[in-house]
Amino acid sequence: MTSRTTRKFTIRDDDLPESSRTRPRREIDPMEYAIPSSPRSLLHGEPNLNLSLGIRTSPLPPSPQQPRPQPQFPPPQPLELLMFHPIYVPQPPPQSQPQAQAQAQPQPEPQLQPQPQFAPGPRRNRRNPTHAPRPGKSLTIQPPFPWATNRRARVHSLIYLTERGITTISGEVQCKRCEQRYEIEYNLEEKFSELARFIAEKKPLFRHRAPPVWLNPTLPRCDLCHQENSVKPKMAEKKNSINWLFLLLGQMVGCCTLEQLKYFCKHTANHRTGAKDRILYLTYLGLCKQIDPTGPYDIFD
């Protein structure tokens, strides 16, 4: 397949009449414009209808390198901190010259007015500063029972009582059903041995709390109306007259109120804050320690 040869025809000034020419005729130097000659026109003698102008350009001389202007920046301004900035320090307002001179003058020292003197009020004491009795109360009391000492919430030891022939401990009780009052007697050595054996076996399980059998004791049967679990100990009106040893042998210390148990701990140098089972546990061990100082009745063992 052959491609067609496209010929371009141009109108030259030679083909136009003299009157229609717009510019004078000028001879074109082929060497000046580098007009190529077609090989076909040279061989066949045909005129070359394609006119191409080749303009030779001469390279321009290199221009000298001029320094690039540096950008101009404004001078740095001091940093202004906002009011909520952590290191913001408020600046005092500018003062006029008369005010500044007035402040420069020494000011007379203000005279301090004497403050009225108030008598100090009574100092509030701690609720329980010590285990000593309150002011006005003596350290010793009249022993309410033969097995009690002249100190509050204190009983004699087992050796002291047996040497003096005190082997029976009595106390007053009252029936909840018939409301009759009478006395009950406990054998000292028998009842204390039973309690000591129970503590030695169960103490690791107590976890510094009184067991339920101490917290809610089973009361004796009434000898008059024969009602089971109805005889409760008769509590003295004054705390220093409570029959502690009788309550211990009958395992009825749990019939005491919380205030009565705290009274015992206060006068035996024991901690007296906490729930009733905690205070009751301290009371039982404290009484056993008084009767048998060499027994395993230490609180923190």
Protein backbone atom coordinates (compact mmCIF):
# COMPACT_ATOMS: atom_id res chain seq x y z
CA MET A 1 0.00 0.00 0.00
CA THR A 2 1.40 3.29 -1.08
CA SER A 3 0.70 6.57 0.58
CA ARG A 4 -0.33 9.58 -1.33
CA THR A 5 2.10 12.41 -1.65
CA THR A 6 0.65 15.62 -0.36
CA ARG A 7 1.88 18.68 -2.15
CA LYS A 8 1.69 22.12 -0.66
CA PHE A 9 1.28 25.08 -3.02
CA THR A 10 2.25 28.52 -1.92
CA ILE A 11 1.76 31.80 -3.77
CA ARG A 12 4.92 33.74 -4.22
CA ASP A 13 5.30 37.40 -4.78
CA ASP A 14 6.63 36.69 -8.28
CA ASP A 15 3.23 35.41 -9.36
CA LEU A 16 1.47 38.64 -8.34
CA PRO A 17 1.46 41.81 -10.41
CA GLU A 18 3.63 44.71 -9.43
CA SER A 19 0.68 46.80 -8.31
CA SER A 20 -0.51 44.23 -5.77
CA ARG A 21 2.82 43.64 -4.12
CA THR A 22 3.03 44.93 -0.54
CA ARG A 23 6.73 44.70 -0.07
CA PRO A 24 9.71 45.07 -2.41
CA ARG A 25 11.20 42.11 -4.00
CA ARG A 26 14.18 40.72 -2.20
CA GLU A 27 16.62 38.16 -3.25
CA ILE A 28 16.80 35.28 -0.75
CA ASP A 29 20.15 33.74 -0.16
CA PRO A 30 19.69 29.98 0.16
CA MET A 31 22.73 29.74 2.39
CA GLU A 32 21.32 32.33 4.78
CA TYR A 33 18.09 30.49 5.47
CA ALA A 34 19.38 27.00 4.89
CA ILE A 35 16.78 26.05 2.34
CA PRO A 36 17.07 22.34 1.73
CA SER A 37 16.89 21.06 -1.74
CA SER A 38 14.61 18.17 -2.50
CA PRO A 39 16.36 15.13 -3.95
CA ARG A 40 13.41 14.61 -6.28
CA SER A 41 13.68 18.11 -7.75
CA LEU A 42 17.35 17.65 -8.34
CA LEU A 43 16.82 14.41 -10.18
CA HIS A 44 13.76 15.29 -12.27
CA GLY A 45 14.24 19.01 -12.58
CA GLU A 46 10.91 19.85 -10.92
CA PRO A 47 10.59 23.04 -8.94
CA ASN A 48 10.63 22.75 -5.18
CA LEU A 49 7.27 24.03 -4.01
CA ASN A 50 7.99 23.57 -0.27
CA LEU A 51 9.55 26.58 1.31
CA SER A 52 10.99 26.25 4.75
CA LEU A 53 12.85 28.95 6.58
CA GLY A 54 15.69 27.92 8.82
CA ILE A 55 16.73 30.75 11.03
CA ARG A 56 19.96 30.23 12.76
CA THR A 57 20.11 31.74 16.16
CA SER A 58 23.33 32.55 17.83
CA PRO A 59 23.58 31.79 21.55
CA LEU A 60 23.34 34.77 23.81
CA PRO A 61 26.29 35.55 25.99
CA PRO A 62 25.71 34.37 29.56
CA SER A 63 24.45 37.11 31.81
CA PRO A 64 26.33 37.65 35.05
CA GLN A 65 24.73 36.04 38.12
CA GLN A 66 23.08 38.67 40.24
CA PRO A 67 22.59 38.03 43.99
CA ARG A 68 19.08 36.97 44.90
CA PRO A 69 17.42 39.49 47.18
CA GLN A 70 16.86 38.19 50.67
CA PRO A 71 13.35 38.45 52.09
CA GLN A 72 12.89 41.10 54.71
CA PHE A 73 11.23 39.90 57.96
CA PRO A 74 9.93 42.19 60.66
CA PRO A 75 11.94 42.26 63.90
CA PRO A 76 10.81 39.68 66.49
CA GLN A 77 8.23 40.96 68.91
CA PRO A 78 8.15 39.89 72.57
CA LEU A 79 5.84 36.96 73.27
CA GLU A 80 2.57 38.02 74.82
CA LEU A 81 1.08 35.42 77.14
CA LEU A 82 -2.62 35.03 77.46
CA MET A 83 -4.37 35.48 80.76
CA PHE A 84 -5.06 31.76 81.16
CA HIS A 85 -1.42 30.75 80.53
CA PRO A 86 0.16 29.03 83.58
CA ILE A 87 3.14 31.47 83.70
CA TYR A 88 1.12 34.57 82.97
CA VAL A 89 2.07 37.47 85.24
CA PRO A 90 -0.15 40.55 85.03
CA GLN A 91 1.76 43.71 84.28
CA PRO A 92 0.95 46.83 86.25
CA PRO A 93 -0.72 49.57 84.25
CA PRO A 94 1.51 52.44 83.19
CA GLN A 95 1.43 55.28 85.68
CA SER A 96 1.70 58.89 84.97
CA GLN A 97 4.70 60.84 86.19
CA PRO A 98 2.94 62.67 89.06
CA GLN A 99 1.59 59.42 90.44
CA ALA A 100 5.00 57.74 90.17
CA GLN A 101 6.61 60.61 92.08
CA ALA A 102 3.93 60.44 94.73
CA GLN A 103 4.53 56.74 95.20
CA ALA A 104 8.30 57.27 95.37
CA GLN A 105 7.88 59.39 98.48
CA PRO A 106 8.09 57.38 101.73
CA GLN A 107 4.73 56.68 103.26
CA PRO A 108 4.27 56.79 107.02
CA GLU A 109 3.87 53.39 108.63
CA PRO A 110 0.28 52.65 109.63
CA GLN A 111 -0.30 52.39 113.32
CA LEU A 112 -1.60 49.04 114.43
CA GLN A 113 -4.61 49.20 116.66
CA PRO A 114 -4.47 46.95 119.70
CA GLN A 115 -6.57 43.86 119.25
CA PRO A 116 -8.98 43.01 122.05
CA GLN A 117 -7.78 40.19 124.21
CA PHE A 118 -10.18 37.29 124.60
CA ALA A 119 -9.88 34.73 127.32
CA PRO A 120 -9.24 31.27 125.84
CA GLY A 121 -12.22 28.98 126.15
CA PRO A 122 -12.11 25.57 127.71
CA ARG A 123 -10.10 23.18 125.60
CA ARG A 124 -12.07 20.29 124.26
CA ASN A 125 -10.64 17.05 125.52
CA ARG A 126 -10.59 13.84 123.60
CA ARG A 127 -13.47 11.50 124.11
CA ASN A 128 -11.36 8.74 125.56
CA PRO A 129 -7.87 10.14 126.20
CA THR A 130 -6.86 7.49 128.75
CA HIS A 131 -8.28 4.58 130.63
CA ALA A 132 -8.27 6.50 133.87
CA PRO A 133 -11.59 7.48 135.49
CA ARG A 134 -13.03 10.92 134.97
CA PRO A 135 -12.03 13.77 137.25
CA GLY A 136 -13.74 13.52 140.61
CA LYS A 137 -13.77 9.72 140.65
CA SER A 138 -11.24 7.72 142.64
CA LEU A 139 -9.21 4.87 141.23
CA THR A 140 -10.44 2.49 143.92
CA ILE A 141 -13.97 1.48 144.90
CA GLN A 142 -15.62 -0.58 147.60
CA PRO A 143 -15.52 -4.22 146.38
CA PRO A 144 -19.14 -5.17 145.53
CA PHE A 145 -18.43 -8.92 145.93
CA PRO A 146 -15.90 -11.03 147.81
CA TRP A 147 -14.35 -12.20 144.53
CA ALA A 148 -14.06 -8.65 143.18
CA THR A 149 -11.14 -6.30 143.80
CA ASN A 150 -11.21 -2.65 144.79
CA ARG A 151 -10.56 -1.69 141.13
CA ARG A 152 -13.31 -1.25 138.58
CA ALA A 153 -14.02 -4.31 136.38
CA ARG A 154 -11.39 -6.39 138.18
CA VAL A 155 -11.73 -9.82 139.85
CA HIS A 156 -9.32 -11.92 141.87
CA SER A 157 -7.40 -14.79 140.37
CA LEU A 158 -8.33 -18.43 140.78
CA ILE A 159 -5.38 -19.09 143.08
CA TYR A 160 -6.29 -16.13 145.30
CA LEU A 161 -9.90 -17.30 145.64
CA THR A 162 -9.12 -20.97 146.31
CA GLU A 163 -6.56 -20.05 148.95
CA ARG A 164 -9.26 -18.11 150.78
CA GLY A 165 -11.84 -20.82 150.45
CA ILE A 166 -14.04 -19.08 147.87
CA THR A 167 -15.12 -21.93 145.60
CA THR A 168 -18.75 -20.99 144.90
CA ILE A 169 -19.85 -17.89 142.95
CA SER A 170 -23.45 -16.75 143.28
CA GLY A 171 -25.56 -14.19 141.45
CA GLU A 172 -29.11 -12.87 141.27
CA VAL A 173 -31.34 -13.84 138.33
CA GLN A 174 -34.90 -13.14 137.26
CA CYS A 175 -37.30 -15.24 135.22
CA LYS A 176 -38.72 -13.61 132.14
CA ARG A 177 -41.98 -15.55 132.45
CA CYS A 178 -42.88 -15.50 136.14
CA GLU A 179 -40.63 -12.50 136.91
CA GLN A 180 -39.46 -14.11 140.13
CA ARG A 181 -35.99 -13.36 141.50
CA TYR A 182 -33.66 -15.78 143.16
CA GLU A 183 -29.95 -16.70 143.30
CA ILE A 184 -27.94 -19.23 141.32
CA GLU A 185 -24.61 -20.69 142.43
CA TYR A 186 -21.76 -21.93 140.21
CA ASN A 187 -18.79 -24.04 141.19
CA LEU A 188 -15.73 -21.92 140.42
CA GLU A 189 -13.24 -24.58 139.34
CA GLU A 190 -15.76 -26.70 137.44
CA LYS A 191 -17.31 -23.90 135.43
CA PHE A 192 -14.00 -22.20 134.68
CA SER A 193 -12.40 -25.46 133.54
CA GLU A 194 -15.31 -26.01 131.15
CA LEU A 195 -14.94 -22.49 129.73
CA ALA A 196 -11.15 -22.74 129.46
CA ARG A 197 -11.40 -26.01 127.54
CA PHE A 198 -13.89 -24.47 125.11
CA ILE A 199 -11.62 -21.46 124.45
CA ALA A 200 -8.53 -23.62 123.96
CA GLU A 201 -10.31 -25.72 121.32
CA LYS A 202 -12.24 -23.00 119.47
CA LYS A 203 -10.06 -19.90 119.75
CA PRO A 204 -8.39 -20.29 116.33
CA LEU A 205 -11.88 -20.25 114.78
CA PHE A 206 -13.08 -17.13 116.59
CA ARG A 207 -11.15 -14.69 114.35
CA HIS A 208 -11.27 -12.08 117.12
CA ARG A 209 -15.06 -12.24 117.23
CA ALA A 210 -17.33 -13.76 119.86
CA PRO A 211 -19.03 -16.98 118.72
CA PRO A 212 -22.83 -17.11 118.49
CA VAL A 213 -23.05 -19.12 121.72
CA TRP A 214 -21.58 -16.09 123.55
CA LEU A 215 -23.42 -13.45 121.58
CA ASN A 216 -26.84 -15.09 122.10
CA PRO A 217 -26.36 -17.26 125.19
CA THR A 218 -28.74 -20.02 126.16
CA LEU A 219 -30.31 -19.01 129.47
CA PRO A 220 -30.89 -21.47 132.36
CA ARG A 221 -34.25 -23.07 133.12
CA CYS A 222 -36.36 -21.41 135.77
CA ASP A 223 -36.47 -23.39 139.04
CA LEU A 224 -39.92 -21.99 139.92
CA CYS A 225 -41.99 -22.14 136.73
CA HIS A 226 -39.68 -24.64 134.94
CA GLN A 227 -39.61 -22.52 131.79
CA GLU A 228 -36.65 -23.26 129.55
CA ASN A 229 -34.31 -20.46 128.49
CA SER A 230 -36.09 -17.89 130.62
CA VAL A 231 -33.74 -16.95 133.49
CA LYS A 232 -31.59 -13.91 132.81
CA PRO A 233 -29.06 -12.28 135.18
CA LYS A 234 -30.13 -9.26 137.12
CA MET A 235 -27.90 -6.33 136.15
CA ALA A 236 -26.85 -3.76 138.73
CA GLU A 237 -27.85 -0.17 138.17
CA LYS A 238 -24.25 1.02 138.53
CA LYS A 239 -21.62 -0.34 136.20
CA ASN A 240 -19.03 -0.68 138.97
CA SER A 241 -21.35 -3.18 140.71
CA ILE A 242 -21.74 -5.65 137.85
CA ASN A 243 -21.07 -9.27 138.89
CA TRP A 244 -18.52 -10.02 136.13
CA LEU A 245 -17.29 -13.34 137.49
CA PHE A 246 -20.82 -14.74 137.83
CA LEU A 247 -21.61 -13.74 134.22
CA LEU A 248 -18.39 -15.35 133.01
CA LEU A 249 -18.97 -18.73 134.69
CA GLY A 250 -22.55 -18.87 133.39
CA GLN A 251 -21.38 -17.67 129.92
CA MET A 252 -23.99 -14.92 130.08
CA VAL A 253 -21.71 -11.93 129.46
CA GLY A 254 -23.59 -11.46 126.18
CA CYS A 255 -26.60 -10.27 128.24
CA CYS A 256 -24.72 -7.02 128.93
CA THR A 257 -25.35 -3.99 126.80
CA LEU A 258 -22.71 -2.52 124.54
CA GLU A 259 -22.12 0.36 126.94
CA GLN A 260 -21.49 -2.05 129.80
CA LEU A 261 -19.01 -4.01 127.71
CA LYS A 262 -17.23 -0.80 126.75
CA TYR A 263 -17.03 0.09 130.44
CA PHE A 264 -15.18 -3.15 131.12
CA CYS A 265 -12.74 -2.57 128.21
CA LYS A 266 -12.15 1.01 129.30
CA HIS A 267 -10.97 0.02 132.79
CA THR A 268 -8.97 -3.00 131.60
CA ALA A 269 -6.89 -1.12 128.99
CA ASN A 270 -8.57 -2.78 126.00
CA HIS A 271 -9.73 -1.30 122.73
CA ARG A 272 -13.40 -0.48 123.08
CA THR A 273 -14.57 0.55 119.61
CA GLY A 274 -16.23 -1.82 117.19
CA ALA A 275 -19.18 -4.15 116.93
CA LYS A 276 -20.61 -5.96 119.93
CA ASP A 277 -19.13 -9.32 118.97
CA ARG A 278 -15.66 -7.73 118.91
CA ILE A 279 -16.10 -6.05 122.32
CA LEU A 280 -17.66 -9.20 123.77
CA TYR A 281 -14.68 -11.26 122.62
CA LEU A 282 -12.30 -8.86 124.37
CA THR A 283 -14.40 -9.02 127.55
CA TYR A 284 -14.34 -12.81 127.71
CA LEU A 285 -10.60 -13.03 127.18
CA GLY A 286 -9.98 -10.18 129.61
CA LEU A 287 -11.91 -11.89 132.40
CA CYS A 288 -10.21 -15.23 131.76
CA LYS A 289 -6.84 -13.49 131.85
CA GLN A 290 -7.66 -12.05 135.27
CA ILE A 291 -8.60 -15.44 136.68
CA ASP A 292 -5.73 -17.35 135.08
CA PRO A 293 -2.89 -14.95 134.10
CA THR A 294 -0.78 -17.81 132.71
CA GLY A 295 -3.48 -19.23 130.42
CA PRO A 296 -3.75 -18.88 126.61
CA TYR A 297 -5.96 -15.81 126.75
CA ASP A 298 -3.85 -13.25 124.96
CA ILE A 299 -5.93 -11.18 122.60
CA PHE A 300 -3.46 -11.12 119.67
CA ASP A 301 -2.44 -14.78 119.78
